Structure formats: C-alpha cells, structure tokens
Amino acid sequence: MRKASQKRSRRAEAPTARVAIPWRQGDRVHWRDRAGIYRRDVDGEHAEIVIAERVYRVRRVELRPG
C-alpha cells in the first residue's frame, strides 16, 4: 500500500537504450534533416559524412539511417 501522498505520483520512465548501428562507408544517412553519405569513423564517438560535396564531422549518435 502507498501512503496517501504517494497515490497520485508517477513512476519514473524506463531509460531508452540506444543501439549502435554499424555504419559502413557509402551508407546513406540523415543528419539534422539533411541527407548525406557516411564516409568514415573518426574515433569511437565521431564520424565524417558528406553532404553536397562538403565533409562534416558529426557525433555518431546524431545519425539516422537514410
């Protein structure tokens, strides 16, 4: 049983787990609503992508499959 002061409180939401996608060179990606091509992995956290012949260094967690 809960106390009267706890009856209307909400439980904490479960944290969402992010699954790391194994990107390969040439994969199509979306970053900030722009379409691009995955170029290479810089380190464990960042990657290089190409959008309109420009190279961007972005965080891997910001990339979505395209």
N, C-alpha and C. Protein backbone atom coordinates (compact mmCIF):
# COMPACT_ATOMS: atom_id res chain seq x y z
N MET A 1 0.83 -1.19 0.00
CA MET A 1 0.00 0.00 0.00
C MET A 1 0.88 1.25 0.00
N ARG A 2 0.38 2.24 -0.70
CA ARG A 2 1.07 3.52 -0.73
C ARG A 2 0.45 4.48 0.26
N LYS A 3 1.25 5.43 0.68
CA LYS A 3 0.73 6.49 1.52
C LYS A 3 -0.19 7.37 0.68
N ALA A 4 -1.06 8.11 1.32
CA ALA A 4 -1.98 9.00 0.60
C ALA A 4 -1.22 10.01 -0.24
N SER A 5 -0.08 10.48 0.20
CA SER A 5 0.70 11.48 -0.54
C SER A 5 1.37 10.87 -1.77
N GLN A 6 1.47 9.55 -1.85
CA GLN A 6 2.15 8.89 -2.96
C GLN A 6 1.19 8.34 -4.00
N LYS A 7 -0.09 8.37 -3.76
CA LYS A 7 -1.05 7.73 -4.65
C LYS A 7 -1.09 8.34 -6.04
N ARG A 8 -0.93 9.63 -6.14
CA ARG A 8 -1.03 10.28 -7.44
C ARG A 8 0.32 10.54 -8.10
N SER A 9 1.38 10.10 -7.50
CA SER A 9 2.70 10.31 -8.10
C SER A 9 2.93 9.30 -9.22
N ARG A 10 3.72 9.70 -10.18
CA ARG A 10 4.00 8.84 -11.33
C ARG A 10 5.34 8.13 -11.13
N ARG A 11 5.42 6.98 -11.68
CA ARG A 11 6.68 6.24 -11.62
C ARG A 11 7.62 6.76 -12.70
N ALA A 12 8.88 6.62 -12.47
CA ALA A 12 9.89 7.06 -13.44
C ALA A 12 9.81 6.18 -14.69
N GLU A 13 10.01 6.80 -15.84
CA GLU A 13 10.01 6.05 -17.09
C GLU A 13 11.32 5.28 -17.23
N ALA A 14 11.24 4.16 -17.90
CA ALA A 14 12.43 3.35 -18.13
C ALA A 14 13.33 4.07 -19.14
N PRO A 15 14.63 4.08 -18.91
CA PRO A 15 15.53 4.73 -19.87
C PRO A 15 15.54 3.98 -21.19
N THR A 16 15.59 4.72 -22.28
CA THR A 16 15.61 4.09 -23.60
C THR A 16 17.04 3.75 -23.96
N ALA A 17 17.24 2.55 -24.43
CA ALA A 17 18.57 2.10 -24.81
C ALA A 17 18.80 2.39 -26.28
N ARG A 18 19.94 2.96 -26.59
CA ARG A 18 20.29 3.26 -27.98
C ARG A 18 21.17 2.12 -28.48
N VAL A 19 20.84 1.64 -29.64
CA VAL A 19 21.62 0.58 -30.26
C VAL A 19 22.55 1.21 -31.28
N ALA A 20 23.83 0.92 -31.17
CA ALA A 20 24.80 1.47 -32.10
C ALA A 20 24.68 0.75 -33.44
N ILE A 21 24.49 1.52 -34.49
CA ILE A 21 24.37 0.96 -35.84
C ILE A 21 25.77 0.83 -36.43
N PRO A 22 26.12 -0.32 -36.95
CA PRO A 22 27.45 -0.48 -37.56
C PRO A 22 27.48 0.16 -38.95
N TRP A 23 27.81 1.45 -39.02
CA TRP A 23 27.83 2.17 -40.29
C TRP A 23 28.99 1.68 -41.14
N ARG A 24 28.75 1.65 -42.45
CA ARG A 24 29.79 1.28 -43.41
C ARG A 24 29.96 2.42 -44.40
N GLN A 25 31.12 2.51 -44.98
CA GLN A 25 31.40 3.56 -45.95
C GLN A 25 30.42 3.47 -47.11
N GLY A 26 29.80 4.60 -47.45
CA GLY A 26 28.85 4.64 -48.55
C GLY A 26 27.39 4.52 -48.12
N ASP A 27 27.13 4.23 -46.84
CA ASP A 27 25.75 4.14 -46.35
C ASP A 27 25.09 5.52 -46.38
N ARG A 28 23.81 5.54 -46.72
CA ARG A 28 23.06 6.79 -46.71
C ARG A 28 22.62 7.08 -45.28
N VAL A 29 22.78 8.35 -44.86
CA VAL A 29 22.44 8.76 -43.50
C VAL A 29 21.67 10.07 -43.54
N HIS A 30 20.97 10.35 -42.44
CA HIS A 30 20.30 11.64 -42.24
C HIS A 30 20.90 12.28 -41.00
N TRP A 31 21.20 13.57 -41.12
CA TRP A 31 21.72 14.34 -40.00
C TRP A 31 21.12 15.74 -40.08
N ARG A 32 20.41 16.14 -39.02
CA ARG A 32 19.74 17.44 -38.96
C ARG A 32 18.86 17.68 -40.19
N ASP A 33 18.04 16.71 -40.53
CA ASP A 33 17.11 16.78 -41.66
C ASP A 33 17.80 16.96 -43.00
N ARG A 34 19.03 16.54 -43.10
CA ARG A 34 19.75 16.59 -44.37
C ARG A 34 20.23 15.18 -44.71
N ALA A 35 20.17 14.84 -45.98
CA ALA A 35 20.62 13.52 -46.43
C ALA A 35 22.09 13.60 -46.82
N GLY A 36 22.82 12.56 -46.48
CA GLY A 36 24.23 12.51 -46.81
C GLY A 36 24.72 11.09 -46.93
N ILE A 37 26.04 10.95 -47.06
CA ILE A 37 26.66 9.65 -47.21
C ILE A 37 27.74 9.50 -46.14
N TYR A 38 27.72 8.35 -45.47
CA TYR A 38 28.70 8.07 -44.44
C TYR A 38 30.07 7.88 -45.09
N ARG A 39 31.07 8.57 -44.56
CA ARG A 39 32.41 8.48 -45.13
C ARG A 39 33.33 7.58 -44.33
N ARG A 40 33.52 7.93 -43.03
CA ARG A 40 34.40 7.10 -42.20
C ARG A 40 34.18 7.41 -40.74
N ASP A 41 34.69 6.51 -39.89
CA ASP A 41 34.64 6.67 -38.44
C ASP A 41 35.92 7.38 -38.01
N VAL A 42 35.79 8.52 -37.32
CA VAL A 42 36.96 9.27 -36.88
C VAL A 42 37.51 8.67 -35.59
N ASP A 43 36.66 8.53 -34.60
CA ASP A 43 37.01 7.85 -33.35
C ASP A 43 35.75 7.13 -32.90
N GLY A 44 35.68 6.70 -31.70
CA GLY A 44 34.51 5.97 -31.25
C GLY A 44 33.24 6.80 -31.17
N GLU A 45 33.38 8.13 -31.09
CA GLU A 45 32.22 8.99 -30.90
C GLU A 45 31.82 9.79 -32.15
N HIS A 46 32.77 10.12 -33.02
CA HIS A 46 32.50 10.97 -34.17
C HIS A 46 32.68 10.22 -35.49
N ALA A 47 32.04 10.77 -36.52
CA ALA A 47 32.14 10.20 -37.87
C ALA A 47 32.18 11.34 -38.87
N GLU A 48 32.65 11.05 -40.08
CA GLU A 48 32.63 12.02 -41.16
C GLU A 48 31.54 11.62 -42.14
N ILE A 49 30.74 12.61 -42.54
CA ILE A 49 29.72 12.38 -43.56
C ILE A 49 29.88 13.44 -44.64
N VAL A 50 29.38 13.13 -45.84
CA VAL A 50 29.47 14.04 -46.97
C VAL A 50 28.06 14.47 -47.33
N ILE A 51 27.84 15.81 -47.36
CA ILE A 51 26.57 16.39 -47.78
C ILE A 51 26.90 17.47 -48.80
N ALA A 52 26.41 17.32 -50.01
CA ALA A 52 26.63 18.30 -51.08
C ALA A 52 28.11 18.62 -51.25
N GLU A 53 28.94 17.60 -51.34
CA GLU A 53 30.37 17.70 -51.56
C GLU A 53 31.14 18.40 -50.44
N ARG A 54 30.51 18.56 -49.28
CA ARG A 54 31.18 19.09 -48.09
C ARG A 54 31.27 17.99 -47.06
N VAL A 55 32.37 17.97 -46.33
CA VAL A 55 32.60 16.94 -45.31
C VAL A 55 32.30 17.52 -43.94
N TYR A 56 31.47 16.82 -43.18
CA TYR A 56 31.09 17.24 -41.84
C TYR A 56 31.55 16.20 -40.84
N ARG A 57 32.06 16.67 -39.70
CA ARG A 57 32.41 15.77 -38.59
C ARG A 57 31.30 15.88 -37.57
N VAL A 58 30.56 14.78 -37.37
CA VAL A 58 29.38 14.80 -36.52
C VAL A 58 29.46 13.67 -35.49
N ARG A 59 28.62 13.79 -34.46
CA ARG A 59 28.54 12.70 -33.47
C ARG A 59 27.75 11.55 -34.08
N ARG A 60 28.20 10.34 -33.84
CA ARG A 60 27.55 9.16 -34.41
C ARG A 60 26.12 8.98 -33.90
N VAL A 61 25.84 9.40 -32.66
CA VAL A 61 24.50 9.21 -32.10
C VAL A 61 23.47 10.13 -32.77
N GLU A 62 23.93 11.17 -33.48
CA GLU A 62 23.03 12.08 -34.18
C GLU A 62 22.63 11.56 -35.56
N LEU A 63 23.27 10.52 -36.03
CA LEU A 63 22.98 9.98 -37.36
C LEU A 63 21.80 9.03 -37.32
N ARG A 64 20.99 9.08 -38.38
CA ARG A 64 19.88 8.15 -38.56
C ARG A 64 20.04 7.48 -39.91
N PRO A 65 19.54 6.26 -40.04
CA PRO A 65 19.62 5.61 -41.35
C PRO A 65 18.80 6.36 -42.38
N GLY A 66 19.28 6.36 -43.59
CA GLY A 66 18.58 7.13 -44.62
C GLY A 66 18.17 6.31 -45.74
